Amino acid sequence: MIVTVSSRYTDSSPSARAYAYGKAERLGTFSTRTHSIDVVLSQLNGHTHQTEITAFLPGSDPLIVSSRAESLFAAIDLAQDKLACRLRRHQRRLIQRNRAA
């Protein structure tokens, strides 16, 4: 699985990039079919941070989640939780579809 971390409108610290990379790598355990994950860290204004995570899965549209928070690390955690939930639901639907056939 390929993980890409980038920043928009700001320069993120190496610790924030490493934290986002680690969180994104853990998302691969929810779906074995995940091809790549892109993480975009941005700062909207002086106090609000936004994180957008896109998961590319073969044979389906990409799963895109975003979150906003006062802290960059909180925004990363919220986005990771949202995407984990969507990946679990996607994997569960694939299993149910294969069992019904």
N, C-alpha and C. Protein backbone atom coordinates (compact mmCIF):
# COMPACT_ATOMS: atom_id res chain seq x y z
N MET A 1 0.84 -1.17 0.00
CA MET A 1 0.00 0.00 0.00
C MET A 1 0.89 1.24 0.00
N ILE A 2 0.51 2.21 -0.80
CA ILE A 2 1.27 3.44 -0.94
C ILE A 2 0.58 4.53 -0.13
N VAL A 3 1.33 5.19 0.75
CA VAL A 3 0.80 6.28 1.57
C VAL A 3 1.53 7.56 1.18
N THR A 4 0.76 8.60 0.84
CA THR A 4 1.32 9.89 0.48
C THR A 4 0.76 10.95 1.42
N VAL A 5 1.65 11.71 2.05
CA VAL A 5 1.24 12.79 2.95
C VAL A 5 1.74 14.10 2.36
N SER A 6 0.82 15.04 2.16
CA SER A 6 1.19 16.35 1.63
C SER A 6 0.49 17.44 2.43
N SER A 7 0.93 18.66 2.25
CA SER A 7 0.30 19.77 2.97
C SER A 7 -0.09 20.85 1.97
N ARG A 8 -1.14 21.57 2.32
CA ARG A 8 -1.66 22.62 1.46
C ARG A 8 -1.81 23.89 2.30
N TYR A 9 -1.39 25.00 1.79
CA TYR A 9 -1.51 26.32 2.41
C TYR A 9 -0.63 26.51 3.64
N THR A 10 0.15 25.53 3.99
CA THR A 10 0.99 25.63 5.17
C THR A 10 2.13 24.62 5.09
N ASP A 11 3.13 24.82 5.89
CA ASP A 11 4.19 23.82 6.03
C ASP A 11 3.94 23.06 7.33
N SER A 12 3.71 21.77 7.21
CA SER A 12 3.46 20.97 8.41
C SER A 12 4.79 20.46 8.96
N SER A 13 4.81 20.24 10.24
CA SER A 13 6.03 19.79 10.90
C SER A 13 6.31 18.32 10.56
N PRO A 14 7.55 17.90 10.66
CA PRO A 14 7.87 16.49 10.40
C PRO A 14 7.14 15.54 11.36
N SER A 15 6.91 15.98 12.59
CA SER A 15 6.20 15.11 13.53
C SER A 15 4.74 14.93 13.12
N ALA A 16 4.12 15.98 12.58
CA ALA A 16 2.74 15.88 12.12
C ALA A 16 2.65 14.96 10.90
N ARG A 17 3.62 15.08 10.00
CA ARG A 17 3.64 14.21 8.83
C ARG A 17 3.85 12.75 9.22
N ALA A 18 4.74 12.50 10.17
CA ALA A 18 4.98 11.14 10.63
C ALA A 18 3.75 10.57 11.33
N TYR A 19 3.07 11.41 12.10
CA TYR A 19 1.85 10.98 12.79
C TYR A 19 0.77 10.61 11.77
N ALA A 20 0.59 11.45 10.75
CA ALA A 20 -0.41 11.18 9.72
C ALA A 20 -0.05 9.92 8.93
N TYR A 21 1.23 9.74 8.64
CA TYR A 21 1.69 8.55 7.92
C TYR A 21 1.39 7.28 8.72
N GLY A 22 1.69 7.32 10.02
CA GLY A 22 1.42 6.16 10.87
C GLY A 22 -0.05 5.82 10.96
N LYS A 23 -0.88 6.85 11.09
CA LYS A 23 -2.33 6.62 11.15
C LYS A 23 -2.85 6.07 9.83
N ALA A 24 -2.34 6.57 8.71
CA ALA A 24 -2.80 6.10 7.41
C ALA A 24 -2.35 4.66 7.15
N GLU A 25 -1.17 4.29 7.61
CA GLU A 25 -0.71 2.92 7.44
C GLU A 25 -1.60 1.93 8.17
N ARG A 26 -2.11 2.33 9.32
CA ARG A 26 -3.00 1.44 10.09
C ARG A 26 -4.32 1.20 9.39
N LEU A 27 -4.73 2.10 8.50
CA LEU A 27 -5.98 1.93 7.78
C LEU A 27 -5.94 0.74 6.83
N GLY A 28 -4.77 0.30 6.45
CA GLY A 28 -4.64 -0.86 5.58
C GLY A 28 -5.10 -2.15 6.22
N THR A 29 -5.21 -2.20 7.53
CA THR A 29 -5.66 -3.42 8.20
C THR A 29 -7.17 -3.62 8.06
N PHE A 30 -7.91 -2.56 7.76
CA PHE A 30 -9.36 -2.68 7.64
C PHE A 30 -9.79 -3.24 6.29
N SER A 31 -8.99 -3.02 5.27
CA SER A 31 -9.30 -3.52 3.94
C SER A 31 -8.00 -3.94 3.27
N THR A 32 -7.92 -5.19 2.89
CA THR A 32 -6.70 -5.69 2.26
C THR A 32 -6.59 -5.25 0.81
N ARG A 33 -7.67 -4.70 0.25
CA ARG A 33 -7.68 -4.30 -1.15
C ARG A 33 -7.25 -2.85 -1.35
N THR A 34 -6.94 -2.13 -0.31
CA THR A 34 -6.58 -0.72 -0.44
C THR A 34 -5.30 -0.59 -1.23
N HIS A 35 -5.37 0.16 -2.33
CA HIS A 35 -4.20 0.33 -3.19
C HIS A 35 -3.31 1.45 -2.69
N SER A 36 -3.89 2.62 -2.43
CA SER A 36 -3.10 3.74 -1.93
C SER A 36 -3.97 4.68 -1.11
N ILE A 37 -3.32 5.45 -0.25
CA ILE A 37 -3.99 6.42 0.60
C ILE A 37 -3.25 7.74 0.48
N ASP A 38 -4.01 8.81 0.22
CA ASP A 38 -3.46 10.15 0.16
C ASP A 38 -3.98 10.95 1.34
N VAL A 39 -3.08 11.63 2.05
CA VAL A 39 -3.44 12.47 3.18
C VAL A 39 -3.02 13.90 2.84
N VAL A 40 -3.97 14.83 2.96
CA VAL A 40 -3.68 16.24 2.70
C VAL A 40 -3.95 17.02 3.98
N LEU A 41 -2.91 17.66 4.51
CA LEU A 41 -3.01 18.47 5.72
C LEU A 41 -3.06 19.94 5.30
N SER A 42 -4.02 20.68 5.83
CA SER A 42 -4.12 22.09 5.46
C SER A 42 -4.56 22.92 6.66
N GLN A 43 -4.30 24.20 6.56
CA GLN A 43 -4.70 25.14 7.60
C GLN A 43 -5.62 26.15 6.93
N LEU A 44 -6.88 26.21 7.39
CA LEU A 44 -7.87 27.06 6.74
C LEU A 44 -7.71 28.52 7.13
N ASN A 45 -7.59 28.77 8.41
CA ASN A 45 -7.29 30.12 8.90
C ASN A 45 -6.30 29.97 10.04
N GLY A 46 -6.12 30.97 10.82
CA GLY A 46 -5.11 30.91 11.87
C GLY A 46 -5.31 29.83 12.90
N HIS A 47 -6.56 29.35 13.08
CA HIS A 47 -6.82 28.43 14.18
C HIS A 47 -7.42 27.09 13.76
N THR A 48 -7.92 26.98 12.55
CA THR A 48 -8.61 25.76 12.14
C THR A 48 -7.74 24.96 11.17
N HIS A 49 -7.60 23.68 11.47
CA HIS A 49 -6.84 22.76 10.62
C HIS A 49 -7.81 21.77 9.98
N GLN A 50 -7.48 21.37 8.77
CA GLN A 50 -8.31 20.41 8.06
C GLN A 50 -7.44 19.27 7.56
N THR A 51 -7.98 18.07 7.64
CA THR A 51 -7.31 16.88 7.12
C THR A 51 -8.25 16.18 6.17
N GLU A 52 -7.75 15.85 4.99
CA GLU A 52 -8.54 15.12 4.00
C GLU A 52 -7.78 13.84 3.65
N ILE A 53 -8.47 12.72 3.77
CA ILE A 53 -7.86 11.42 3.48
C ILE A 53 -8.66 10.77 2.35
N THR A 54 -7.96 10.30 1.34
CA THR A 54 -8.57 9.62 0.20
C THR A 54 -7.98 8.22 0.10
N ALA A 55 -8.86 7.22 0.08
CA ALA A 55 -8.43 5.82 -0.07
C ALA A 55 -8.86 5.33 -1.44
N PHE A 56 -7.91 4.81 -2.20
CA PHE A 56 -8.19 4.30 -3.53
C PHE A 56 -8.30 2.78 -3.46
N LEU A 57 -9.46 2.27 -3.87
CA LEU A 57 -9.73 0.84 -3.87
C LEU A 57 -9.99 0.39 -5.29
N PRO A 58 -9.46 -0.75 -5.70
CA PRO A 58 -9.70 -1.21 -7.07
C PRO A 58 -11.16 -1.61 -7.27
N GLY A 59 -11.72 -1.19 -8.40
CA GLY A 59 -13.09 -1.57 -8.72
C GLY A 59 -14.16 -0.73 -8.07
N SER A 60 -13.80 0.34 -7.40
CA SER A 60 -14.81 1.20 -6.78
C SER A 60 -14.32 2.64 -6.78
N ASP A 61 -15.23 3.53 -6.47
CA ASP A 61 -14.87 4.93 -6.37
C ASP A 61 -13.99 5.15 -5.15
N PRO A 62 -13.14 6.16 -5.17
CA PRO A 62 -12.31 6.43 -3.98
C PRO A 62 -13.16 6.88 -2.80
N LEU A 63 -12.75 6.49 -1.62
CA LEU A 63 -13.41 6.92 -0.39
C LEU A 63 -12.71 8.17 0.11
N ILE A 64 -13.47 9.26 0.26
CA ILE A 64 -12.90 10.54 0.65
C ILE A 64 -13.57 11.01 1.93
N VAL A 65 -12.76 11.33 2.93
CA VAL A 65 -13.27 11.90 4.18
C VAL A 65 -12.45 13.13 4.53
N SER A 66 -13.08 14.06 5.23
CA SER A 66 -12.34 15.23 5.70
C SER A 66 -12.86 15.60 7.08
N SER A 67 -12.02 16.26 7.84
CA SER A 67 -12.40 16.70 9.18
C SER A 67 -11.70 18.01 9.49
N ARG A 68 -12.32 18.77 10.36
CA ARG A 68 -11.76 20.05 10.81
C ARG A 68 -11.70 20.05 12.33
N ALA A 69 -10.64 20.64 12.85
CA ALA A 69 -10.47 20.75 14.30
C ALA A 69 -9.51 21.88 14.60
N GLU A 70 -9.46 22.25 15.87
CA GLU A 70 -8.54 23.30 16.30
C GLU A 70 -7.09 22.84 16.26
N SER A 71 -6.87 21.58 16.51
CA SER A 71 -5.53 21.00 16.51
C SER A 71 -5.35 20.14 15.27
N LEU A 72 -4.17 20.16 14.70
CA LEU A 72 -3.88 19.34 13.52
C LEU A 72 -3.95 17.86 13.86
N PHE A 73 -3.46 17.48 15.02
CA PHE A 73 -3.47 16.07 15.42
C PHE A 73 -4.90 15.58 15.67
N ALA A 74 -5.76 16.44 16.20
CA ALA A 74 -7.17 16.08 16.40
C ALA A 74 -7.87 15.90 15.05
N ALA A 75 -7.56 16.74 14.09
CA ALA A 75 -8.15 16.62 12.76
C ALA A 75 -7.71 15.32 12.09
N ILE A 76 -6.46 14.93 12.28
CA ILE A 76 -5.97 13.67 11.72
C ILE A 76 -6.70 12.50 12.36
N ASP A 77 -6.86 12.53 13.68
CA ASP A 77 -7.56 11.45 14.37
C ASP A 77 -9.01 11.32 13.93
N LEU A 78 -9.71 12.44 13.80
CA LEU A 78 -11.11 12.41 13.37
C LEU A 78 -11.25 11.84 11.96
N ALA A 79 -10.41 12.27 11.05
CA ALA A 79 -10.47 11.77 9.68
C ALA A 79 -10.14 10.28 9.62
N GLN A 80 -9.17 9.85 10.41
CA GLN A 80 -8.80 8.44 10.44
C GLN A 80 -9.95 7.59 10.97
N ASP A 81 -10.64 8.06 11.99
CA ASP A 81 -11.79 7.33 12.53
C ASP A 81 -12.92 7.23 11.51
N LYS A 82 -13.19 8.32 10.79
CA LYS A 82 -14.24 8.30 9.78
C LYS A 82 -13.92 7.33 8.66
N LEU A 83 -12.68 7.36 8.18
CA LEU A 83 -12.31 6.48 7.08
C LEU A 83 -12.27 5.02 7.53
N ALA A 84 -11.86 4.76 8.74
CA ALA A 84 -11.87 3.38 9.25
C ALA A 84 -13.29 2.83 9.26
N CYS A 85 -14.24 3.65 9.67
CA CYS A 85 -15.64 3.23 9.68
C CYS A 85 -16.13 2.94 8.26
N ARG A 86 -15.78 3.79 7.31
CA ARG A 86 -16.22 3.59 5.92
C ARG A 86 -15.54 2.38 5.29
N LEU A 87 -14.27 2.14 5.62
CA LEU A 87 -13.59 0.96 5.09
C LEU A 87 -14.18 -0.33 5.66
N ARG A 88 -14.51 -0.32 6.95
CA ARG A 88 -15.16 -1.50 7.55
C ARG A 88 -16.49 -1.79 6.87
N ARG A 89 -17.29 -0.73 6.64
CA ARG A 89 -18.59 -0.90 5.99
C ARG A 89 -18.42 -1.41 4.56
N HIS A 90 -17.44 -0.89 3.84
CA HIS A 90 -17.18 -1.33 2.48
C HIS A 90 -16.78 -2.81 2.46
N GLN A 91 -15.90 -3.19 3.37
CA GLN A 91 -15.45 -4.58 3.44
C GLN A 91 -16.61 -5.51 3.81
N ARG A 92 -17.46 -5.06 4.74
CA ARG A 92 -18.62 -5.87 5.15
C ARG A 92 -19.58 -6.06 3.97
N ARG A 93 -19.79 -5.03 3.17
CA ARG A 93 -20.68 -5.13 2.01
C ARG A 93 -20.11 -6.09 0.97
N LEU A 94 -18.79 -6.07 0.77
CA LEU A 94 -18.18 -7.00 -0.18
C LEU A 94 -18.36 -8.44 0.28
N ILE A 95 -18.19 -8.70 1.56
CA ILE A 95 -18.35 -10.05 2.09
C ILE A 95 -19.79 -10.52 1.95
N GLN A 96 -20.74 -9.64 2.27
CA GLN A 96 -22.15 -10.01 2.16
C GLN A 96 -22.56 -10.28 0.70
N ARG A 97 -22.00 -9.48 -0.22
CA ARG A 97 -22.33 -9.67 -1.62
C ARG A 97 -21.80 -11.01 -2.13
N ASN A 98 -20.60 -11.41 -1.67
CA ASN A 98 -20.03 -12.68 -2.12
C ASN A 98 -20.74 -13.86 -1.49
N ARG A 99 -21.24 -13.72 -0.28
CA ARG A 99 -21.97 -14.82 0.36
C ARG A 99 -23.34 -15.04 -0.28
N ALA A 100 -23.95 -13.98 -0.76
CA ALA A 100 -25.29 -14.09 -1.34
C ALA A 100 -25.26 -14.78 -2.70
N ALA A 101 -24.12 -14.75 -3.35
CA ALA A 101 -24.05 -15.31 -4.73
C ALA A 101 -24.00 -16.81 -4.73
